[in-house]
PDB file of N, CA and C in Angstrom:
ATOM      1  N   MET A   1      50.890  89.737  39.115  1.00  0.00           N
ATOM      2  CA  MET A   1      52.268  89.751  39.745  1.00  0.00           C
ATOM      3  C   MET A   1      52.732  90.938  40.977  1.00  0.00           C
ATOM      4  N   ASP A   2      52.749  90.376  42.226  1.00  0.00           N
ATOM      5  CA  ASP A   2      52.842  90.825  43.315  1.00  0.00           C
ATOM      6  C   ASP A   2      53.884  92.047  43.479  1.00  0.00           C
ATOM      7  N   GLU A   3      53.230  93.432  43.281  1.00  0.00           N
ATOM      8  CA  GLU A   3      54.829  94.685  43.839  1.00  0.00           C
ATOM      9  C   GLU A   3      55.196  94.662  44.398  1.00  0.00           C
ATOM     10  N   GLU A   4      55.505  93.447  45.760  1.00  0.00           N
ATOM     11  CA  GLU A   4      56.907  93.250  46.686  1.00  0.00           C
ATOM     12  C   GLU A   4      57.233  92.455  45.793  1.00  0.00           C
ATOM     13  N   PHE A   5      57.162  91.472  45.119  1.00  0.00           N
ATOM     14  CA  PHE A   5      57.757  90.359  44.140  1.00  0.00           C
ATOM     15  C   PHE A   5      58.606  91.478  42.967  1.00  0.00           C
ATOM     16  N   VAL A   6      58.000  92.164  42.256  1.00  0.00           N
ATOM     17  CA  VAL A   6      58.586  92.790  41.416  1.00  0.00           C
ATOM     18  C   VAL A   6      59.666  93.868  41.817  1.00  0.00           C
ATOM     19  N   VAL A   7      59.681  95.015  42.827  1.00  0.00           N
ATOM     20  CA  VAL A   7      60.330  95.461  43.622  1.00  0.00           C
ATOM     21  C   VAL A   7      61.638  94.475  44.067  1.00  0.00           C
ATOM     22  N   GLY A   8      61.304  93.606  45.002  1.00  0.00           N
ATOM     23  CA  GLY A   8      62.699  92.509  45.281  1.00  0.00           C
ATOM     24  C   GLY A   8      63.310  92.143  43.945  1.00  0.00           C
ATOM     25  N   THR A   9      62.566  91.655  43.048  1.00  0.00           N
ATOM     26  CA  THR A   9      63.395  90.948  41.913  1.00  0.00           C
ATOM     27  C   THR A   9      64.507  92.661  41.294  1.00  0.00           C
ATOM     28  N   TRP A  10      63.687  93.759  41.309  1.00  0.00           N
ATOM     29  CA  TRP A  10      64.503  94.464  40.917  1.00  0.00           C
ATOM     30  C   TRP A  10      66.039  94.754  41.308  1.00  0.00           C
ATOM     31  N   HIS A  11      65.419  95.122  42.602  1.00  0.00           N
ATOM     32  CA  HIS A  11      66.905  95.296  43.651  1.00  0.00           C
ATOM     33  C   HIS A  11      67.765  93.585  43.716  1.00  0.00           C
ATOM     34  N   TYR A  12      67.234  93.095  43.654  1.00  0.00           N
ATOM     35  CA  TYR A  12      68.200  91.551  42.910  1.00  0.00           C
ATOM     36  C   TYR A  12      69.105  92.075  41.923  1.00  0.00           C
ATOM     37  N   VAL A  13      68.590  92.142  40.776  1.00  0.00           N
ATOM     38  CA  VAL A  13      69.234  92.888  39.514  1.00  0.00           C
ATOM     39  C   VAL A  13      69.844  93.301  39.815  1.00  0.00           C
ATOM     40  N   LEU A  14      69.860  94.922  40.483  1.00  0.00           N
ATOM     41  CA  LEU A  14      70.852  95.850  40.582  1.00  0.00           C
ATOM     42  C   LEU A  14      71.981  95.363  41.282  1.00  0.00           C
ATOM     43  N   ALA A  15      71.603  94.741  42.412  1.00  0.00           N
ATOM     44  CA  ALA A  15      72.894  93.764  43.272  1.00  0.00           C
ATOM     45  C   ALA A  15      73.590  93.218  42.605  1.00  0.00           C
ATOM     46  N   LYS A  16      72.999  92.483  42.067  1.00  0.00           N
ATOM     47  CA  LYS A  16      74.005  91.618  40.898  1.00  0.00           C
ATOM     48  C   LYS A  16      74.930  92.487  39.753  1.00  0.00           C
ATOM     49  N   HIS A  17      74.202  93.295  39.145  1.00  0.00           N
ATOM     50  CA  HIS A  17      74.911  94.119  38.294  1.00  0.00           C
ATOM     51  C   HIS A  17      75.714  94.773  38.452  1.00  0.00           C
ATOM     52  N   ALA A  18      75.331  95.268  39.807  1.00  0.00           N
ATOM     53  CA  ALA A  18      76.712  96.053  40.477  1.00  0.00           C
ATOM     54  C   ALA A  18      78.334  95.401  41.136  1.00  0.00           C
ATOM     55  N   LYS A  19      77.644  93.920  41.800  1.00  0.00           N
ATOM     56  CA  LYS A  19      78.806  93.416  41.990  1.00  0.00           C
ATOM     57  C   LYS A  19      79.545  93.051  41.107  1.00  0.00           C
ATOM     58  N   ALA A  20      78.677  92.173  40.058  1.00  0.00           N
ATOM     59  CA  ALA A  20      79.440  91.968  38.614  1.00  0.00           C
ATOM     60  C   ALA A  20      80.227  93.112  38.236  1.00  0.00           C
ATOM     61  N   MET A  21      79.590  94.105  37.986  1.00  0.00           N
ATOM     62  CA  MET A  21      80.803  95.281  36.869  1.00  0.00           C
ATOM     63  C   MET A  21      81.645  95.372  38.115  1.00  0.00           C
ATOM     64  N   CYS A  22      81.520  96.010  39.444  1.00  0.00           N
ATOM     65  CA  CYS A  22      82.954  95.924  40.260  1.00  0.00           C
ATOM     66  C   CYS A  22      83.607  94.909  40.218  1.00  0.00           C
ATOM     67  N   ALA A  23      83.101  93.671  40.160  1.00  0.00           N
ATOM     68  CA  ALA A  23      84.397  92.845  40.088  1.00  0.00           C
ATOM     69  C   ALA A  23      85.102  92.546  38.580  1.00  0.00           C
ATOM     70  N   LEU A  24      84.140  92.891  37.873  1.00  0.00           N
ATOM     71  CA  LEU A  24      84.771  92.721  36.386  1.00  0.00           C
ATOM     72  C   LEU A  24      85.912  94.104  36.228  1.00  0.00           C
ATOM     73  N   GLU A  25      85.184  95.169  36.740  1.00  0.00           N
ATOM     74  CA  GLU A  25      86.115  96.021  36.760  1.00  0.00           C
ATOM     75  C   GLU A  25      87.575  95.692  37.406  1.00  0.00           C
ATOM     76  N   ARG A  26      87.679  95.218  38.654  1.00  0.00           N
ATOM     77  CA  ARG A  26      89.047  95.181  38.876  1.00  0.00           C
ATOM     78  C   ARG A  26      89.615  93.826  37.782  1.00  0.00           C
ATOM     79  N   GLU A  27      89.029  92.597  37.960  1.00  0.00           N
ATOM     80  CA  GLU A  27      89.759  91.675  37.202  1.00  0.00           C
ATOM     81  C   GLU A  27      90.162  91.701  35.988  1.00  0.00           C
ATOM     82  N   LEU A  28      89.293  92.452  35.240  1.00  0.00           N
ATOM     83  CA  LEU A  28      89.793  92.481  33.929  1.00  0.00           C
ATOM     84  C   LEU A  28      90.753  93.832  33.812  1.00  0.00           C
ATOM     85  N   GLY A  29      90.519  94.497  34.631  1.00  0.00           N
ATOM     86  CA  GLY A  29      91.412  95.984  34.873  1.00  0.00           C
ATOM     87  C   GLY A  29      93.142  95.090  35.350  1.00  0.00           C
ATOM     88  N   GLU A  30      92.918  94.462  36.506  1.00  0.00           N
ATOM     89  CA  GLU A  30      94.358  94.241  36.731  1.00  0.00           C
ATOM     90  C   GLU A  30      95.190  93.152  35.743  1.00  0.00           C
ATOM     91  N   LYS A  31      94.511  92.376  35.242  1.00  0.00           N
ATOM     92  CA  LYS A  31      94.886  91.077  34.810  1.00  0.00           C
ATOM     93  C   LYS A  31      95.088  91.626  32.808  1.00  0.00           C
ATOM     94  N   HIS A  32      94.250  92.170  32.477  1.00  0.00           N
ATOM     95  CA  HIS A  32      94.066  92.348  31.045  1.00  0.00           C
ATOM     96  C   HIS A  32      94.487  93.990  30.618  1.00  0.00           C
ATOM     97  N   GLY A  33      93.904  94.654  32.086  1.00  0.00           N
ATOM     98  CA  GLY A  33      94.359  96.187  30.742  1.00  0.00           C
ATOM     99  C   GLY A  33      92.504  96.939  30.199  1.00  0.00           C
ATOM    100  N   LEU A  34      91.855  96.094  30.985  1.00  0.00           N
ATOM    101  CA  LEU A  34      90.396  96.365  29.945  1.00  0.00           C
ATOM    102  C   LEU A  34      89.389  96.356  31.217  1.00  0.00           C
ATOM    103  N   GLY A  35      88.096  97.653  30.743  1.00  0.00           N
ATOM    104  CA  GLY A  35      87.167  97.751  31.304  1.00  0.00           C
ATOM    105  C   GLY A  35      86.240  96.762  30.645  1.00  0.00           C
ATOM    106  N   PRO A  36      84.963  96.780  31.741  1.00  0.00           N
ATOM    107  CA  PRO A  36      84.028  95.622  31.213  1.00  0.00           C
ATOM    108  C   PRO A  36      83.194  96.008  29.979  1.00  0.00           C
ATOM    109  N   SER A  37      83.189  97.363  29.542  1.00  0.00           N
ATOM    110  CA  SER A  37      82.790  98.224  28.630  1.00  0.00           C
ATOM    111  C   SER A  37      83.409  97.874  27.070  1.00  0.00           C
ATOM    112  N   GLU A  38      84.875  97.643  27.554  1.00  0.00           N
ATOM    113  CA  GLU A  38      85.714  97.367  26.525  1.00  0.00           C
ATOM    114  C   GLU A  38      85.827  95.840  26.134  1.00  0.00           C
ATOM    115  N   PHE A  39      85.700  95.303  27.112  1.00  0.00           N
ATOM    116  CA  PHE A  39      85.473  93.468  27.151  1.00  0.00           C
ATOM    117  C   PHE A  39      84.165  93.775  25.979  1.00  0.00           C
ATOM    118  N   GLU A  40      83.377  94.227  26.089  1.00  0.00           N
ATOM    119  CA  GLU A  40      81.963  93.987  26.053  1.00  0.00           C
ATOM    120  C   GLU A  40      81.663  94.217  24.753  1.00  0.00           C
ATOM    121  N   VAL A  41      82.686  95.293  23.762  1.00  0.00           N
ATOM    122  CA  VAL A  41      82.915  95.704  22.456  1.00  0.00           C
ATOM    123  C   VAL A  41      83.468  94.706  22.243  1.00  0.00           C
ATOM    124  N   LEU A  42      84.608  94.144  22.236  1.00  0.00           N
ATOM    125  CA  LEU A  42      85.377  93.447  21.635  1.00  0.00           C
ATOM    126  C   LEU A  42      84.260  91.654  21.277  1.00  0.00           C
ATOM    127  N   ASP A  43      83.927  91.808  22.653  1.00  0.00           N
ATOM    128  CA  ASP A  43      83.190  90.392  22.845  1.00  0.00           C
ATOM    129  C   ASP A  43      82.173  90.923  21.652  1.00  0.00           C
ATOM    130  N   ARG A  44      81.234  91.686  21.594  1.00  0.00           N
ATOM    131  CA  ARG A  44      80.446  91.834  20.540  1.00  0.00           C
ATOM    132  C   ARG A  44      80.786  91.484  19.033  1.00  0.00           C
ATOM    133  N   ILE A  45      81.493  92.523  19.091  1.00  0.00           N
ATOM    134  CA  ILE A  45      82.554  92.075  17.287  1.00  0.00           C
ATOM    135  C   ILE A  45      83.200  90.909  17.007  1.00  0.00           C
ATOM    136  N   VAL A  46      83.942  89.883  18.022  1.00  0.00           N
ATOM    137  CA  VAL A  46      84.171  88.640  17.967  1.00  0.00           C
ATOM    138  C   VAL A  46      82.974  88.056  17.509  1.00  0.00           C
ATOM    139  N   HIS A  47      81.706  87.955  18.302  1.00  0.00           N
ATOM    140  CA  HIS A  47      80.500  87.433  18.110  1.00  0.00           C
ATOM    141  C   HIS A  47      80.105  87.176  16.756  1.00  0.00           C
ATOM    142  N   HIS A  48      80.242  88.484  16.086  1.00  0.00           N
ATOM    143  CA  HIS A  48      79.626  89.096  14.944  1.00  0.00           C
ATOM    144  C   HIS A  48      80.522  88.299  13.756  1.00  0.00           C
ATOM    145  N   ASP A  49      81.664  88.206  14.528  1.00  0.00           N
ATOM    146  CA  ASP A  49      82.805  87.997  13.477  1.00  0.00           C
ATOM    147  C   ASP A  49      82.816  88.588  11.982  1.00  0.00           C
ATOM    148  N   ALA A  50      82.734  90.066  12.042  1.00  0.00           N
ATOM    149  CA  ALA A  50      82.418  90.876  10.935  1.00  0.00           C
ATOM    150  C   ALA A  50      82.503  92.192  11.344  1.00  0.00           C
ATOM    151  N   ASP A  51      82.847  92.818  10.538  1.00  0.00           N
ATOM    152  CA  ASP A  51      83.218  94.695  11.159  1.00  0.00           C
ATOM    153  C   ASP A  51      81.409  95.016  11.977  1.00  0.00           C
ATOM    154  N   LEU A  52      81.439  95.699  12.389  1.00  0.00           N
ATOM    155  CA  LEU A  52      80.139  96.695  12.982  1.00  0.00           C
ATOM    156  C   LEU A  52      80.164  97.604  12.831  1.00  0.00           C
ATOM    157  N   ARG A  53      79.219  98.230  12.535  1.00  0.00           N
ATOM    158  CA  ARG A  53      78.848  99.819  12.360  1.00  0.00           C
ATOM    159  C   ARG A  53      78.296 100.242  13.817  1.00  0.00           C
ATOM    160  N   ILE A  54      79.282 101.813  13.954  1.00  0.00           N
ATOM    161  CA  ILE A  54      78.770 102.063  15.641  1.00  0.00           C
ATOM    162  C   ILE A  54      77.517 101.916  15.603  1.00  0.00           C
ATOM    163  N   GLN A  55      76.706 102.182  15.086  1.00  0.00           N
ATOM    164  CA  GLN A  55      74.906 102.482  15.557  1.00  0.00           C
ATOM    165  C   GLN A  55      74.820 100.833  15.900  1.00  0.00           C
ATOM    166  N   GLU A  56      75.145  99.560  14.739  1.00  0.00           N
ATOM    167  CA  GLU A  56      74.784  98.460  15.350  1.00  0.00           C
ATOM    168  C   GLU A  56      75.190  97.911  17.134  1.00  0.00           C
ATOM    169  N   LEU A  57      76.749  98.224  17.160  1.00  0.00           N
ATOM    170  CA  LEU A  57      77.427  97.957  18.306  1.00  0.00           C
ATOM    171  C   LEU A  57      76.658  98.927  19.268  1.00  0.00           C
ATOM    172  N   CYS A  58      76.301 100.119  19.187  1.00  0.00           N
ATOM    173  CA  CYS A  58      75.573 101.016  20.259  1.00  0.00           C
ATOM    174  C   CYS A  58      74.127 100.156  20.757  1.00  0.00           C
ATOM    175  N   GLU A  59      73.353  99.736  19.751  1.00  0.00           N
ATOM    176  CA  GLU A  59      72.055  99.121  20.429  1.00  0.00           C
ATOM    177  C   GLU A  59      72.517  97.893  20.957  1.00  0.00           C
ATOM    178  N   GLU A  60      73.740  97.114  20.893  1.00  0.00           N
ATOM    179  CA  GLU A  60      74.289  96.081  21.882  1.00  0.00           C
ATOM    180  C   GLU A  60      74.640  95.709  22.989  1.00  0.00           C
ATOM    181  N   VAL A  61      75.097  97.301  23.008  1.00  0.00           N
ATOM    182  CA  VAL A  61      76.338  97.154  24.287  1.00  0.00           C
ATOM    183  C   VAL A  61      75.427  97.833  25.426  1.00  0.00           C
ATOM    184  N   HIS A  62      74.429  98.728  24.682  1.00  0.00           N
ATOM    185  CA  HIS A  62      73.646  99.442  26.155  1.00  0.00           C
ATOM    186  C   HIS A  62      74.339 100.334  26.597  1.00  0.00           C
ATOM    187  N   LEU A  63      74.807 101.654  25.390  1.00  0.00           N
ATOM    188  CA  LEU A  63      75.890 102.416  25.916  1.00  0.00           C
ATOM    189  C   LEU A  63      75.235 103.353  25.076  1.00  0.00           C
ATOM    190  N   SER A  64      75.458 104.888  25.384  1.00  0.00           N
ATOM    191  CA  SER A  64      74.747 105.950  24.451  1.00  0.00           C
ATOM    192  C   SER A  64      75.945 105.876  23.715  1.00  0.00           C
ATOM    193  N   GLN A  65      75.693 106.514  22.251  1.00  0.00           N
ATOM    194  CA  GLN A  65      76.533 107.055  21.329  1.00  0.00           C
ATOM    195  C   GLN A  65      77.940 107.531  21.725  1.00  0.00           C
ATOM    196  N   SER A  66      77.707 108.366  22.784  1.00  0.00           N
ATOM    197  CA  SER A  66      78.851 109.523  23.199  1.00  0.00           C
ATOM    198  C   SER A  66      79.616 108.281  23.268  1.00  0.00           C
ATOM    199  N   ALA A  67      79.039 107.926  25.163  1.00  0.00           N
ATOM    200  CA  ALA A  67      79.509 106.782  25.690  1.00  0.00           C
ATOM    201  C   ALA A  67      80.656 105.553  24.701  1.00  0.00           C
ATOM    202  N   LEU A  68      79.755 105.036  24.007  1.00  0.00           N
ATOM    203  CA  LEU A  68      81.056 104.145  23.135  1.00  0.00           C
ATOM    204  C   LEU A  68      81.791 104.429  22.183  1.00  0.00           C
ATOM    205  N   SER A  69      81.783 105.801  21.413  1.00  0.00           N
ATOM    206  CA  SER A  69      82.479 106.641  21.131  1.00  0.00           C
ATOM    207  C   SER A  69      83.968 106.358  21.580  1.00  0.00           C
ATOM    208  N   ARG A  70      83.575 106.973  23.158  1.00  0.00           N
ATOM    209  CA  ARG A  70      84.740 106.831  24.219  1.00  0.00           C
ATOM    210  C   ARG A  70      85.270 105.752  24.340  1.00  0.00           C
ATOM    211  N   VAL A  71      84.829 104.800  24.402  1.00  0.00           N
ATOM    212  CA  VAL A  71      85.054 103.108  25.013  1.00  0.00           C
ATOM    213  C   VAL A  71      85.833 102.897  23.246  1.00  0.00           C
ATOM    214  N   VAL A  72      85.515 103.335  22.307  1.00  0.00           N
ATOM    215  CA  VAL A  72      86.093 103.014  20.858  1.00  0.00           C
ATOM    216  C   VAL A  72      87.502 103.823  20.521  1.00  0.00           C
ATOM    217  N   ALA A  73      87.179 105.073  21.041  1.00  0.00           N
ATOM    218  CA  ALA A  73      88.784 105.732  20.888  1.00  0.00           C
ATOM    219  C   ALA A  73      89.919 105.261  21.978  1.00  0.00           C
ATOM    220  N   ARG A  74      89.298 104.710  23.272  1.00  0.00           N
ATOM    221  CA  ARG A  74      90.109 103.848  23.765  1.00  0.00           C
ATOM    222  C   ARG A  74      90.555 102.737  23.477  1.00  0.00           C
ATOM    223  N   LEU A  75      90.002 101.868  22.945  1.00  0.00           N
ATOM    224  CA  LEU A  75      90.350 100.621  21.916  1.00  0.00           C
ATOM    225  C   LEU A  75      91.491 101.205  20.991  1.00  0.00           C
ATOM    226  N   GLU A  76      90.807 101.679  20.143  1.00  0.00           N
ATOM    227  CA  GLU A  76      91.490 102.132  19.053  1.00  0.00           C
ATOM    228  C   GLU A  76      93.469 102.852  19.424  1.00  0.00           C
ATOM    229  N   LYS A  77      93.261 103.424  20.617  1.00  0.00           N
ATOM    230  CA  LYS A  77      94.343 103.818  20.745  1.00  0.00           C
ATOM    231  C   LYS A  77      94.948 102.866  21.384  1.00  0.00           C
ATOM    232  N   ALA A  78      94.711 101.950  22.121  1.00  0.00           N
ATOM    233  CA  ALA A  78      95.205 100.471  23.103  1.00  0.00           C
ATOM    234  C   ALA A  78      95.639  99.479  21.452  1.00  0.00           C
ATOM    235  N   ASP A  79      95.456  99.824  20.367  1.00  0.00           N
ATOM    236  CA  ASP A  79      95.328  98.839  18.926  1.00  0.00           C
ATOM    237  C   ASP A  79      94.587  98.096  19.249  1.00  0.00           C
ATOM    238  N   LEU A  80      93.952  98.277  19.839  1.00  0.00           N
ATOM    239  CA  LEU A  80      92.782  96.476  19.614  1.00  0.00           C
ATOM    240  C   LEU A  80      91.340  96.984  18.359  1.00  0.00           C
ATOM    241  N   VAL A  81      91.201  97.786  18.066  1.00  0.00           N
ATOM    242  CA  VAL A  81      90.477  98.104  16.943  1.00  0.00           C
ATOM    243  C   VAL A  81      90.643  98.852  16.190  1.00  0.00           C
ATOM    244  N   THR A  82      90.112  98.940  15.134  1.00  0.00           N
ATOM    245  CA  THR A  82      90.206 100.128  13.982  1.00  0.00           C
ATOM    246  C   THR A  82      88.804 100.373  13.194  1.00  0.00           C
ATOM    247  N   ARG A  83      88.506 102.024  13.338  1.00  0.00           N
ATOM    248  CA  ARG A  83      87.527 101.792  12.561  1.00  0.00           C
ATOM    249  C   ARG A  83      87.795 102.552  10.878  1.00  0.00           C
ATOM    250  N   GLY A  84      86.931 102.546  10.085  1.00  0.00           N
ATOM    251  CA  GLY A  84      86.898 102.275   8.891  1.00  0.00           C
ATOM    252  C   GLY A  84      85.297 103.269   8.510  1.00  0.00           C
ATOM    253  N   VAL A  85      85.428 103.798   6.668  1.00  0.00           N
ATOM    254  CA  VAL A  85      84.506 104.765   6.911  1.00  0.00           C
ATOM    255  C   VAL A  85      83.927 103.502   5.704  1.00  0.00           C
ATOM    256  N   CYS A  86      82.663 103.387   5.690  1.00  0.00           N
ATOM    257  CA  CYS A  86      81.574 102.273   5.138  1.00  0.00           C
ATOM    258  C   CYS A  86      81.477 102.942   3.650  1.00  0.00           C
ATOM    259  N   SER A  87      82.294 102.618   2.516  1.00  0.00           N
ATOM    260  CA  SER A  87      82.116 102.565   1.616  1.00  0.00           C
ATOM    261  C   SER A  87      80.701 102.769   0.628  1.00  0.00           C
ATOM    262  N   SER A  88      79.409 102.548   0.812  1.00  0.00           N
ATOM    263  CA  SER A  88      78.753 103.030   0.290  1.00  0.00           C
ATOM    264  C   SER A  88      77.865 104.004   1.127  1.00  0.00           C
ATOM    265  N   ASP A  89      77.737 104.097   2.432  1.00  0.00           N
ATOM    266  CA  ASP A  89      77.600 105.378   3.250  1.00  0.00           C
ATOM    267  C   ASP A  89      78.532 106.059   4.427  1.00  0.00           C
ATOM    268  N   ARG A  90      79.149 107.239   3.616  1.00  0.00           N
ATOM    269  CA  ARG A  90      80.342 107.626   3.937  1.00  0.00           C
ATOM    270  C   ARG A  90      80.261 108.145   5.568  1.00  0.00           C
ATOM    271  N   ARG A  91      78.637 108.239   6.099  1.00  0.00           N
ATOM    272  CA  ARG A  91      78.098 108.462   7.227  1.00  0.00           C
ATOM    273  C   ARG A  91      78.019 108.016   8.324  1.00  0.00           C
ATOM    274  N   GLY A  92      78.496 106.290   7.477  1.00  0.00           N
ATOM    275  CA  GLY A  92      78.602 105.010   8.860  1.00  0.00           C
ATOM    276  C   GLY A  92      80.045 104.483   8.975  1.00  0.00           C
ATOM    277  N   VAL A  93      80.453 104.451   9.832  1.00  0.00           N
ATOM    278  CA  VAL A  93      81.525 104.152  10.668  1.00  0.00           C
ATOM    279  C   VAL A  93      81.350 102.924  11.198  1.00  0.00           C
ATOM    280  N   PHE A  94      82.443 102.074  10.966  1.00  0.00           N
ATOM    281  CA  PHE A  94      82.582 100.985  11.234  1.00  0.00           C
ATOM    282  C   PHE A  94      83.651 100.160  12.274  1.00  0.00           C
ATOM    283  N   VAL A  95      83.618  99.521  12.803  1.00  0.00           N
ATOM    284  CA  VAL A  95      84.783  99.054  14.295  1.00  0.00           C
ATOM    285  C   VAL A  95      85.213  97.916  13.518  1.00  0.00           C
ATOM    286  N   CYS A  96      86.767  97.761  13.508  1.00  0.00           N
ATOM    287  CA  CYS A  96      87.149  96.453  13.280  1.00  0.00           C
ATOM    288  C   CYS A  96      88.413  95.607  14.315  1.00  0.00           C
ATOM    289  N   ILE A  97      87.752  94.972  14.723  1.00  0.00           N
ATOM    290  CA  ILE A  97      89.086  94.336  15.698  1.00  0.00           C
ATOM    291  C   ILE A  97      90.583  94.130  14.867  1.00  0.00           C
ATOM    292  N   THR A  98      91.555  94.469  15.496  1.00  0.00           N
ATOM    293  CA  THR A  98      92.726  93.916  15.131  1.00  0.00           C
ATOM    294  C   THR A  98      93.122  92.657  15.629  1.00  0.00           C
ATOM    295  N   GLU A  99      94.100  92.382  15.377  1.00  0.00           N
ATOM    296  CA  GLU A  99      95.386  90.980  16.142  1.00  0.00           C
ATOM    297  C   GLU A  99      95.537  90.674  17.318  1.00  0.00           C
ATOM    298  N   GLU A 100      95.837  92.291  17.555  1.00  0.00           N
ATOM    299  CA  GLU A 100      96.008  92.272  19.336  1.00  0.00           C
ATOM    300  C   GLU A 100      94.568  92.480  19.665  1.00  0.00           C
ATOM    301  N   GLY A 101      93.702  93.173  19.470  1.00  0.00           N
ATOM    302  CA  GLY A 101      92.421  92.692  20.251  1.00  0.00           C
ATOM    303  C   GLY A 101      91.642  91.312  20.215  1.00  0.00           C
ATOM    304  N   ARG A 102      92.017  90.912  18.928  1.00  0.00           N
ATOM    305  CA  ARG A 102      91.598  89.175  19.568  1.00  0.00           C
ATOM    306  C   ARG A 102      92.518  88.329  20.270  1.00  0.00           C
ATOM    307  N   ALA A 103      93.724  88.729  20.545  1.00  0.00           N
ATOM    308  CA  ALA A 103      94.689  87.973  21.312  1.00  0.00           C
ATOM    309  C   ALA A 103      94.330  87.977  22.504  1.00  0.00           C
ATOM    310  N   ARG A 104      94.076  89.841  22.770  1.00  0.00           N
ATOM    311  CA  ARG A 104      93.444  90.283  24.375  1.00  0.00           C
ATOM    312  C   ARG A 104      92.448  89.733  24.644  1.00  0.00           C
ATOM    313  N   TYR A 105      91.030  89.790  23.927  1.00  0.00           N
ATOM    314  CA  TYR A 105      89.908  89.100  24.117  1.00  0.00           C
ATOM    315  C   TYR A 105      90.108  87.899  24.645  1.00  0.00           C
ATOM    316  N   GLU A 106      90.949  87.321  23.912  1.00  0.00           N
ATOM    317  CA  GLU A 106      90.648  85.434  24.168  1.00  0.00           C
ATOM    318  C   GLU A 106      91.642  85.117  25.225  1.00  0.00           C
ATOM    319  N   GLN A 107      92.360  86.096  25.959  1.00  0.00           N
ATOM    320  CA  GLN A 107      93.122  86.099  27.220  1.00  0.00           C
ATOM    321  C   GLN A 107      92.526  86.677  28.261  1.00  0.00           C
ATOM    322  N   ALA A 108      91.598  87.777  27.972  1.00  0.00           N
ATOM    323  CA  ALA A 108      90.908  87.817  29.247  1.00  0.00           C
ATOM    324  C   ALA A 108      88.925  87.297  29.009  1.00  0.00           C
ATOM    325  N   ARG A 109      89.171  86.318  28.315  1.00  0.00           N
ATOM    326  CA  ARG A 109      87.628  85.805  28.067  1.00  0.00           C
ATOM    327  C   ARG A 109      87.682  84.892  29.240  1.00  0.00           C
ATOM    328  N   PRO A 110      88.325  83.758  30.156  1.00  0.00           N
ATOM    329  CA  PRO A 110      88.354  82.757  30.902  1.00  0.00           C
ATOM    330  C   PRO A 110      87.714  83.758  32.287  1.00  0.00           C
ATOM    331  N   THR A 111      89.007  84.807  32.406  1.00  0.00           N
ATOM    332  CA  THR A 111      88.549  85.607  33.654  1.00  0.00           C
ATOM    333  C   THR A 111      87.129  86.258  33.919  1.00  0.00           C
ATOM    334  N   HIS A 112      86.744  86.839  32.347  1.00  0.00           N
ATOM    335  CA  HIS A 112      85.601  87.659  32.836  1.00  0.00           C
ATOM    336  C   HIS A 112      84.464  86.184  33.148  1.00  0.00           C
ATOM    337  N   MET A 113      84.698  85.163  32.140  1.00  0.00           N
ATOM    338  CA  MET A 113      83.658  84.114  32.480  1.00  0.00           C
ATOM    339  C   MET A 113      83.658  83.683  34.207  1.00  0.00           C
ATOM    340  N   ALA A 114      85.241  83.443  34.793  1.00  0.00           N
ATOM    341  CA  ALA A 114      85.384  83.402  36.396  1.00  0.00           C
ATOM    342  C   ALA A 114      84.779  84.245  36.881  1.00  0.00           C
ATOM    343  N   VAL A 115      84.803  85.574  36.735  1.00  0.00           N
ATOM    344  CA  VAL A 115      83.807  86.583  37.397  1.00  0.00           C
ATOM    345  C   VAL A 115      82.218  85.911  37.679  1.00  0.00           C
ATOM    346  N   LEU A 116      81.894  85.864  36.201  1.00  0.00           N
ATOM    347  CA  LEU A 116      80.580  85.651  36.140  1.00  0.00           C
ATOM    348  C   LEU A 116      80.062  84.117  36.552  1.00  0.00           C
ATOM    349  N   LYS A 117      81.118  83.468  36.580  1.00  0.00           N
ATOM    350  CA  LYS A 117      80.030  82.185  37.358  1.00  0.00           C
ATOM    351  C   LYS A 117      79.802  82.842  38.567  1.00  0.00           C
ATOM    352  N   GLU A 118      81.715  82.961  39.606  1.00  0.00           N
ATOM    353  CA  GLU A 118      81.497  83.405  40.944  1.00  0.00           C
ATOM    354  C   GLU A 118      80.268  84.343  40.959  1.00  0.00           C
ATOM    355  N   ILE A 119      79.693  85.253  40.678  1.00  0.00           N
ATOM    356  CA  ILE A 119      78.555  86.229  41.103  1.00  0.00           C
ATOM    357  C   ILE A 119      77.357  85.516  41.414  1.00  0.00           C
ATOM    358  N   PHE A 120      77.053  84.538  40.179  1.00  0.00           N
ATOM    359  CA  PHE A 120      75.857  84.084  40.027  1.00  0.00           C
ATOM    360  C   PHE A 120      75.858  82.563  40.485  1.00  0.00           C
ATOM    361  N   SER A 121      77.034  82.219  40.972  1.00  0.00           N
ATOM    362  CA  SER A 121      76.807  80.359  41.997  1.00  0.00           C
ATOM    363  C   SER A 121      76.601  80.871  43.223  1.00  0.00           C
ATOM    364  N   GLU A 122      76.644  82.192  43.784  1.00  0.00           N
ATOM    365  CA  GLU A 122      76.118  82.349  44.828  1.00  0.00           C
ATOM    366  C   GLU A 122      74.829  82.231  44.906  1.00  0.00           C
ATOM    367  N   ASP A 123      74.066  82.261  44.102  1.00  0.00           N
ATOM    368  CA  ASP A 123      72.063  81.828  44.105  1.00  0.00           C
ATOM    369  C   ASP A 123      71.974  80.752  43.875  1.00  0.00           C
ATOM    370  N   PRO A 124      72.004  79.756  45.037  1.00  0.00           N
ATOM    371  CA  PRO A 124      71.412  78.511  44.274  1.00  0.00           C
ATOM    372  C   PRO A 124      70.422  78.261  43.549  1.00  0.00           C
ATOM    373  N   ALA A 125      69.332  79.385  43.487  1.00  0.00           N
ATOM    374  CA  ALA A 125      68.526  79.114  42.521  1.00  0.00           C
ATOM    375  C   ALA A 125      68.707  79.300  41.022  1.00  0.00           C
ATOM    376  N   LEU A 126      69.688  79.998  40.711  1.00  0.00           N
ATOM    377  CA  LEU A 126      70.429  80.409  39.200  1.00  0.00           C
ATOM    378  C   LEU A 126      71.144  79.055  38.997  1.00  0.00           C
ATOM    379  N   VAL A 127      71.734  77.864  40.292  1.00  0.00           N
ATOM    380  CA  VAL A 127      72.464  77.158  39.647  1.00  0.00           C
ATOM    381  C   VAL A 127      71.453  75.959  38.682  1.00  0.00           C
TER     382      VAL A 127
END
């Protein structure tokens, strides 16, 4: 694979990611009071349809454990998730979505999808 192609592809990925994150930050924040990381955490919990351990969630959302803890703390403060201790391993902490969290996620999901469709529809090679 040609070095110029690899670097060009990397720049493309970075540009799309930056544009998507800025748009998601603006749209999810203004319309639903969520940031992209908060939405992503809710999305992962909903798609697992089960409580997730912090360690499992950390692997899926690509955040450091301390960054994820801050996101979960914000979601918990907004009553969108709760934390619980694992009965079989007291060191393990589960994150559980609340009814309010599920409702906010469902309200925000169309906004999230609209932003992503807009960002990626700009590239005819991806359509």
